[in-house]
Amino acid sequence: MAKYRVLTGLDYPPNKRAEAGQVVEDLPAQSIKWLLESGLIEDISKSVSTPKQEPKPVVTEVKAEEPEAENE
């Protein structure tokens, strides 16, 4: 079953309420599309099953240069 994070408080049938930050699975199917498009919920069912990978650090080698001799 799909899971959705509520981004703003919602009242939905039958006589239910979800507050911002809650994860729900029982939203009416006919409302999900417009709730997503309006930015009121986000689909987290895909992100729950796919772990987020951290970017690998980029290591660059820096060569120190010999200081130039000063002419006096």
PDB file of N, CA and C in Angstrom:
ATOM      1  N   MET A   1       0.842  -1.180   0.000  1.00  0.00           N
ATOM      2  CA  MET A   1       0.000   0.000   0.000  1.00  0.00           C
ATOM      3  C   MET A   1       0.889   1.246   0.000  1.00  0.00           C
ATOM      4  N   ALA A   2       0.516   2.249  -0.742  1.00  0.00           N
ATOM      5  CA  ALA A   2       1.294   3.484  -0.852  1.00  0.00           C
ATOM      6  C   ALA A   2       1.223   4.280   0.442  1.00  0.00           C
ATOM      7  N   LYS A   3       2.345   4.943   0.751  1.00  0.00           N
ATOM      8  CA  LYS A   3       2.417   5.780   1.943  1.00  0.00           C
ATOM      9  C   LYS A   3       2.642   7.215   1.513  1.00  0.00           C
ATOM     10  N   TYR A   4       1.996   8.134   2.218  1.00  0.00           N
ATOM     11  CA  TYR A   4       2.085   9.548   1.902  1.00  0.00           C
ATOM     12  C   TYR A   4       2.381  10.344   3.166  1.00  0.00           C
ATOM     13  N   ARG A   5       3.307  11.313   3.067  1.00  0.00           N
ATOM     14  CA  ARG A   5       3.580  12.226   4.169  1.00  0.00           C
ATOM     15  C   ARG A   5       2.718  13.452   3.943  1.00  0.00           C
ATOM     16  N   VAL A   6       1.969  13.812   4.967  1.00  0.00           N
ATOM     17  CA  VAL A   6       1.099  14.980   4.906  1.00  0.00           C
ATOM     18  C   VAL A   6       1.946  16.219   5.169  1.00  0.00           C
ATOM     19  N   LEU A   7       1.865  17.210   4.283  1.00  0.00           N
ATOM     20  CA  LEU A   7       2.680  18.413   4.402  1.00  0.00           C
ATOM     21  C   LEU A   7       1.931  19.573   5.044  1.00  0.00           C
ATOM     22  N   THR A   8       0.624  19.435   5.161  1.00  0.00           N
ATOM     23  CA  THR A   8      -0.222  20.418   5.841  1.00  0.00           C
ATOM     24  C   THR A   8      -1.408  19.660   6.427  1.00  0.00           C
ATOM     25  N   GLY A   9      -1.993  20.161   7.475  1.00  0.00           N
ATOM     26  CA  GLY A   9      -3.118  19.457   8.089  1.00  0.00           C
ATOM     27  C   GLY A   9      -4.238  19.201   7.096  1.00  0.00           C
ATOM     28  N   LEU A  10      -4.780  17.983   7.135  1.00  0.00           N
ATOM     29  CA  LEU A  10      -5.847  17.588   6.202  1.00  0.00           C
ATOM     30  C   LEU A  10      -6.980  16.895   6.943  1.00  0.00           C
ATOM     31  N   ASP A  11      -8.199  17.249   6.579  1.00  0.00           N
ATOM     32  CA  ASP A  11      -9.380  16.493   6.997  1.00  0.00           C
ATOM     33  C   ASP A  11      -9.789  15.664   5.799  1.00  0.00           C
ATOM     34  N   TYR A  12     -10.037  14.389   5.999  1.00  0.00           N
ATOM     35  CA  TYR A  12     -10.449  13.542   4.882  1.00  0.00           C
ATOM     36  C   TYR A  12     -11.443  12.489   5.377  1.00  0.00           C
ATOM     37  N   PRO A  13     -12.254  12.008   4.455  1.00  0.00           N
ATOM     38  CA  PRO A  13     -13.291  11.051   4.853  1.00  0.00           C
ATOM     39  C   PRO A  13     -12.720   9.699   5.234  1.00  0.00           C
ATOM     40  N   PRO A  14     -13.373   8.978   6.070  1.00  0.00           N
ATOM     41  CA  PRO A  14     -14.577   9.345   6.839  1.00  0.00           C
ATOM     42  C   PRO A  14     -14.190   9.912   8.204  1.00  0.00           C
ATOM     43  N   ASN A  15     -14.352  11.187   8.389  1.00  0.00           N
ATOM     44  CA  ASN A  15     -14.099  11.878   9.655  1.00  0.00           C
ATOM     45  C   ASN A  15     -12.699  11.630  10.211  1.00  0.00           C
ATOM     46  N   LYS A  16     -11.683  11.808   9.370  1.00  0.00           N
ATOM     47  CA  LYS A  16     -10.296  11.608   9.799  1.00  0.00           C
ATOM     48  C   LYS A  16      -9.528  12.910   9.656  1.00  0.00           C
ATOM     49  N   ARG A  17      -8.432  13.017  10.404  1.00  0.00           N
ATOM     50  CA  ARG A  17      -7.564  14.193  10.340  1.00  0.00           C
ATOM     51  C   ARG A  17      -6.118  13.734  10.390  1.00  0.00           C
ATOM     52  N   ALA A  18      -5.268  14.320   9.548  1.00  0.00           N
ATOM     53  CA  ALA A  18      -3.833  14.059   9.562  1.00  0.00           C
ATOM     54  C   ALA A  18      -3.135  15.404   9.685  1.00  0.00           C
ATOM     55  N   GLU A  19      -2.164  15.476  10.569  1.00  0.00           N
ATOM     56  CA  GLU A  19      -1.409  16.710  10.783  1.00  0.00           C
ATOM     57  C   GLU A  19      -0.119  16.671   9.960  1.00  0.00           C
ATOM     58  N   ALA A  20       0.461  17.839   9.737  1.00  0.00           N
ATOM     59  CA  ALA A  20       1.705  17.953   8.970  1.00  0.00           C
ATOM     60  C   ALA A  20       2.772  17.048   9.570  1.00  0.00           C
ATOM     61  N   GLY A  21       3.427  16.277   8.707  1.00  0.00           N
ATOM     62  CA  GLY A  21       4.484  15.366   9.136  1.00  0.00           C
ATOM     63  C   GLY A  21       4.026  13.940   9.339  1.00  0.00           C
ATOM     64  N   GLN A  22       2.741  13.726   9.473  1.00  0.00           N
ATOM     65  CA  GLN A  22       2.228  12.366   9.657  1.00  0.00           C
ATOM     66  C   GLN A  22       2.320  11.580   8.361  1.00  0.00           C
ATOM     67  N   VAL A  23       2.502  10.265   8.490  1.00  0.00           N
ATOM     68  CA  VAL A  23       2.502   9.360   7.350  1.00  0.00           C
ATOM     69  C   VAL A  23       1.187   8.585   7.389  1.00  0.00           C
ATOM     70  N   VAL A  24       0.473   8.622   6.275  1.00  0.00           N
ATOM     71  CA  VAL A  24      -0.825   7.950   6.195  1.00  0.00           C
ATOM     72  C   VAL A  24      -0.864   7.022   4.991  1.00  0.00           C
ATOM     73  N   GLU A  25      -1.728   6.017   5.083  1.00  0.00           N
ATOM     74  CA  GLU A  25      -1.908   5.055   3.989  1.00  0.00           C
ATOM     75  C   GLU A  25      -3.350   4.960   3.537  1.00  0.00           C
ATOM     76  N   ASP A  26      -4.230   5.714   4.176  1.00  0.00           N
ATOM     77  CA  ASP A  26      -5.660   5.528   3.922  1.00  0.00           C
ATOM     78  C   ASP A  26      -6.350   6.733   3.292  1.00  0.00           C
ATOM     79  N   LEU A  27      -5.612   7.514   2.504  1.00  0.00           N
ATOM     80  CA  LEU A  27      -6.238   8.639   1.804  1.00  0.00           C
ATOM     81  C   LEU A  27      -7.159   8.111   0.702  1.00  0.00           C
ATOM     82  N   PRO A  28      -8.242   8.825   0.421  1.00  0.00           N
ATOM     83  CA  PRO A  28      -9.122   8.391  -0.669  1.00  0.00           C
ATOM     84  C   PRO A  28      -8.378   8.381  -2.003  1.00  0.00           C
ATOM     85  N   ALA A  29      -8.487   7.289  -2.723  1.00  0.00           N
ATOM     86  CA  ALA A  29      -7.758   7.113  -3.992  1.00  0.00           C
ATOM     87  C   ALA A  29      -8.051   8.229  -4.986  1.00  0.00           C
ATOM     88  N   GLN A  30      -9.287   8.711  -5.038  1.00  0.00           N
ATOM     89  CA  GLN A  30      -9.644   9.746  -6.003  1.00  0.00           C
ATOM     90  C   GLN A  30      -9.063  11.113  -5.638  1.00  0.00           C
ATOM     91  N   SER A  31      -8.522  11.280  -4.440  1.00  0.00           N
ATOM     92  CA  SER A  31      -7.970  12.563  -4.008  1.00  0.00           C
ATOM     93  C   SER A  31      -6.450  12.642  -4.121  1.00  0.00           C
ATOM     94  N   ILE A  32      -5.793  11.511  -4.253  1.00  0.00           N
ATOM     95  CA  ILE A  32      -4.331  11.474  -4.194  1.00  0.00           C
ATOM     96  C   ILE A  32      -3.688  12.327  -5.285  1.00  0.00           C
ATOM     97  N   LYS A  33      -4.172  12.244  -6.509  1.00  0.00           N
ATOM     98  CA  LYS A  33      -3.564  12.994  -7.615  1.00  0.00           C
ATOM     99  C   LYS A  33      -3.571  14.496  -7.347  1.00  0.00           C
ATOM    100  N   TRP A  34      -4.707  15.062  -6.978  1.00  0.00           N
ATOM    101  CA  TRP A  34      -4.763  16.510  -6.773  1.00  0.00           C
ATOM    102  C   TRP A  34      -4.060  16.929  -5.488  1.00  0.00           C
ATOM    103  N   LEU A  35      -4.016  16.062  -4.493  1.00  0.00           N
ATOM    104  CA  LEU A  35      -3.265  16.383  -3.273  1.00  0.00           C
ATOM    105  C   LEU A  35      -1.766  16.460  -3.570  1.00  0.00           C
ATOM    106  N   LEU A  36      -1.266  15.536  -4.399  1.00  0.00           N
ATOM    107  CA  LEU A  36       0.135  15.561  -4.810  1.00  0.00           C
ATOM    108  C   LEU A  36       0.433  16.806  -5.642  1.00  0.00           C
ATOM    109  N   GLU A  37      -0.418  17.091  -6.637  1.00  0.00           N
ATOM    110  CA  GLU A  37      -0.215  18.239  -7.516  1.00  0.00           C
ATOM    111  C   GLU A  37      -0.276  19.565  -6.760  1.00  0.00           C
ATOM    112  N   SER A  38      -1.071  19.611  -5.692  1.00  0.00           N
ATOM    113  CA  SER A  38      -1.216  20.829  -4.897  1.00  0.00           C
ATOM    114  C   SER A  38      -0.102  20.985  -3.871  1.00  0.00           C
ATOM    115  N   GLY A  39       0.729  19.948  -3.734  1.00  0.00           N
ATOM    116  CA  GLY A  39       1.819  20.017  -2.773  1.00  0.00           C
ATOM    117  C   GLY A  39       1.371  19.824  -1.330  1.00  0.00           C
ATOM    118  N   LEU A  40       0.229  19.189  -1.134  1.00  0.00           N
ATOM    119  CA  LEU A  40      -0.286  18.973   0.211  1.00  0.00           C
ATOM    120  C   LEU A  40       0.207  17.662   0.816  1.00  0.00           C
ATOM    121  N   ILE A  41       0.626  16.729  -0.047  1.00  0.00           N
ATOM    122  CA  ILE A  41       1.192  15.455   0.404  1.00  0.00           C
ATOM    123  C   ILE A  41       2.379  15.113  -0.485  1.00  0.00           C
ATOM    124  N   GLU A  42       3.227  14.191  -0.007  1.00  0.00           N
ATOM    125  CA  GLU A  42       4.297  13.665  -0.854  1.00  0.00           C
ATOM    126  C   GLU A  42       4.302  12.148  -0.738  1.00  0.00           C
ATOM    127  N   ASP A  43       4.590  11.495  -1.842  1.00  0.00           N
ATOM    128  CA  ASP A  43       4.627  10.041  -1.897  1.00  0.00           C
ATOM    129  C   ASP A  43       5.964   9.576  -1.330  1.00  0.00           C
ATOM    130  N   ILE A  44       5.917   8.843  -0.237  1.00  0.00           N
ATOM    131  CA  ILE A  44       7.159   8.346   0.360  1.00  0.00           C
ATOM    132  C   ILE A  44       7.286   6.840   0.227  1.00  0.00           C
ATOM    133  N   SER A  45       6.344   6.193  -0.421  1.00  0.00           N
ATOM    134  CA  SER A  45       6.398   4.741  -0.549  1.00  0.00           C
ATOM    135  C   SER A  45       7.599   4.294  -1.363  1.00  0.00           C
ATOM    136  N   LYS A  46       8.016   5.072  -2.347  1.00  0.00           N
ATOM    137  CA  LYS A  46       9.186   4.713  -3.155  1.00  0.00           C
ATOM    138  C   LYS A  46      10.471   4.983  -2.403  1.00  0.00           C
ATOM    139  N   SER A  47      10.532   6.117  -1.682  1.00  0.00           N
ATOM    140  CA  SER A  47      11.756   6.462  -0.961  1.00  0.00           C
ATOM    141  C   SER A  47      11.970   5.558   0.246  1.00  0.00           C
ATOM    142  N   VAL A  48      10.911   4.968   0.781  1.00  0.00           N
ATOM    143  CA  VAL A  48      11.057   4.067   1.926  1.00  0.00           C
ATOM    144  C   VAL A  48      11.770   2.793   1.508  1.00  0.00           C
ATOM    145  N   SER A  49      11.471   2.285   0.311  1.00  0.00           N
ATOM    146  CA  SER A  49      12.063   1.024  -0.130  1.00  0.00           C
ATOM    147  C   SER A  49      13.437   1.208  -0.769  1.00  0.00           C
ATOM    148  N   THR A  50      13.773   2.423  -1.182  1.00  0.00           N
ATOM    149  CA  THR A  50      15.055   2.684  -1.817  1.00  0.00           C
ATOM    150  C   THR A  50      15.905   3.545  -0.899  1.00  0.00           C
ATOM    151  N   PRO A  51      16.948   2.973  -0.287  1.00  0.00           N
ATOM    152  CA  PRO A  51      17.770   3.783   0.605  1.00  0.00           C
ATOM    153  C   PRO A  51      18.534   4.857  -0.164  1.00  0.00           C
ATOM    154  N   LYS A  52      18.653   6.006   0.465  1.00  0.00           N
ATOM    155  CA  LYS A  52      19.351   7.124  -0.160  1.00  0.00           C
ATOM    156  C   LYS A  52      20.850   6.891  -0.052  1.00  0.00           C
ATOM    157  N   GLN A  53      21.546   7.042  -1.166  1.00  0.00           N
ATOM    158  CA  GLN A  53      22.986   6.841  -1.169  1.00  0.00           C
ATOM    159  C   GLN A  53      23.679   8.183  -0.989  1.00  0.00           C
ATOM    160  N   GLU A  54      24.672   8.192  -0.111  1.00  0.00           N
ATOM    161  CA  GLU A  54      25.458   9.390   0.122  1.00  0.00           C
ATOM    162  C   GLU A  54      26.465   9.552  -1.011  1.00  0.00           C
ATOM    163  N   PRO A  55      26.702  10.789  -1.449  1.00  0.00           N
ATOM    164  CA  PRO A  55      27.711  10.994  -2.493  1.00  0.00           C
ATOM    165  C   PRO A  55      29.095  10.674  -1.956  1.00  0.00           C
ATOM    166  N   LYS A  56      29.932  10.106  -2.816  1.00  0.00           N
ATOM    167  CA  LYS A  56      31.296   9.783  -2.416  1.00  0.00           C
ATOM    168  C   LYS A  56      32.139  11.050  -2.454  1.00  0.00           C
ATOM    169  N   PRO A  57      33.016  11.223  -1.467  1.00  0.00           N
ATOM    170  CA  PRO A  57      33.853  12.423  -1.480  1.00  0.00           C
ATOM    171  C   PRO A  57      34.864  12.392  -2.622  1.00  0.00           C
ATOM    172  N   VAL A  58      35.159  13.550  -3.154  1.00  0.00           N
ATOM    173  CA  VAL A  58      36.136  13.677  -4.233  1.00  0.00           C
ATOM    174  C   VAL A  58      37.465  14.081  -3.602  1.00  0.00           C
ATOM    175  N   VAL A  59      38.481  13.287  -3.861  1.00  0.00           N
ATOM    176  CA  VAL A  59      39.803  13.568  -3.310  1.00  0.00           C
ATOM    177  C   VAL A  59      40.717  13.988  -4.447  1.00  0.00           C
ATOM    178  N   THR A  60      41.331  15.133  -4.299  1.00  0.00           N
ATOM    179  CA  THR A  60      42.275  15.602  -5.316  1.00  0.00           C
ATOM    180  C   THR A  60      43.647  15.735  -4.668  1.00  0.00           C
ATOM    181  N   GLU A  61      44.650  15.401  -5.440  1.00  0.00           N
ATOM    182  CA  GLU A  61      46.014  15.475  -4.927  1.00  0.00           C
ATOM    183  C   GLU A  61      46.594  16.841  -5.278  1.00  0.00           C
ATOM    184  N   VAL A  62      47.165  17.485  -4.276  1.00  0.00           N
ATOM    185  CA  VAL A  62      47.770  18.797  -4.481  1.00  0.00           C
ATOM    186  C   VAL A  62      49.263  18.654  -4.273  1.00  0.00           C
ATOM    187  N   LYS A  63      50.046  19.091  -5.272  1.00  0.00           N
ATOM    188  CA  LYS A  63      51.502  19.016  -5.166  1.00  0.00           C
ATOM    189  C   LYS A  63      52.023  20.376  -4.709  1.00  0.00           C
ATOM    190  N   ALA A  64      52.874  20.336  -3.696  1.00  0.00           N
ATOM    191  CA  ALA A  64      53.469  21.572  -3.202  1.00  0.00           C
ATOM    192  C   ALA A  64      54.606  21.976  -4.124  1.00  0.00           C
ATOM    193  N   GLU A  65      54.687  23.258  -4.428  1.00  0.00           N
ATOM    194  CA  GLU A  65      55.749  23.761  -5.283  1.00  0.00           C
ATOM    195  C   GLU A  65      56.870  24.325  -4.414  1.00  0.00           C
ATOM    196  N   GLU A  66      58.098  24.198  -4.899  1.00  0.00           N
ATOM    197  CA  GLU A  66      59.250  24.760  -4.202  1.00  0.00           C
ATOM    198  C   GLU A  66      59.192  26.280  -4.325  1.00  0.00           C
ATOM    199  N   PRO A  67      59.414  26.983  -3.232  1.00  0.00           N
ATOM    200  CA  PRO A  67      59.415  28.443  -3.338  1.00  0.00           C
ATOM    201  C   PRO A  67      60.595  28.916  -4.185  1.00  0.00           C
ATOM    202  N   GLU A  68      60.384  29.971  -4.952  1.00  0.00           N
ATOM    203  CA  GLU A  68      61.468  30.496  -5.798  1.00  0.00           C
ATOM    204  C   GLU A  68      62.453  31.265  -4.929  1.00  0.00           C
ATOM    205  N   ALA A  69      63.721  31.136  -5.261  1.00  0.00           N
ATOM    206  CA  ALA A  69      64.757  31.853  -4.524  1.00  0.00           C
ATOM    207  C   ALA A  69      64.704  33.322  -4.903  1.00  0.00           C
ATOM    208  N   GLU A  70      64.834  34.164  -3.912  1.00  0.00           N
ATOM    209  CA  GLU A  70      64.811  35.610  -4.169  1.00  0.00           C
ATOM    210  C   GLU A  70      66.208  36.101  -4.511  1.00  0.00           C
ATOM    211  N   ASN A  71      66.323  36.981  -5.482  1.00  0.00           N
ATOM    212  CA  ASN A  71      67.621  37.579  -5.845  1.00  0.00           C
ATOM    213  C   ASN A  71      67.850  38.801  -4.991  1.00  0.00           C
ATOM    214  N   GLU A  72      69.013  38.832  -4.306  1.00  0.00           N
ATOM    215  CA  GLU A  72      69.314  39.995  -3.477  1.00  0.00           C
ATOM    216  C   GLU A  72      70.377  40.833  -4.098  1.00  0.00           C
TER     217      GLU A  72
END
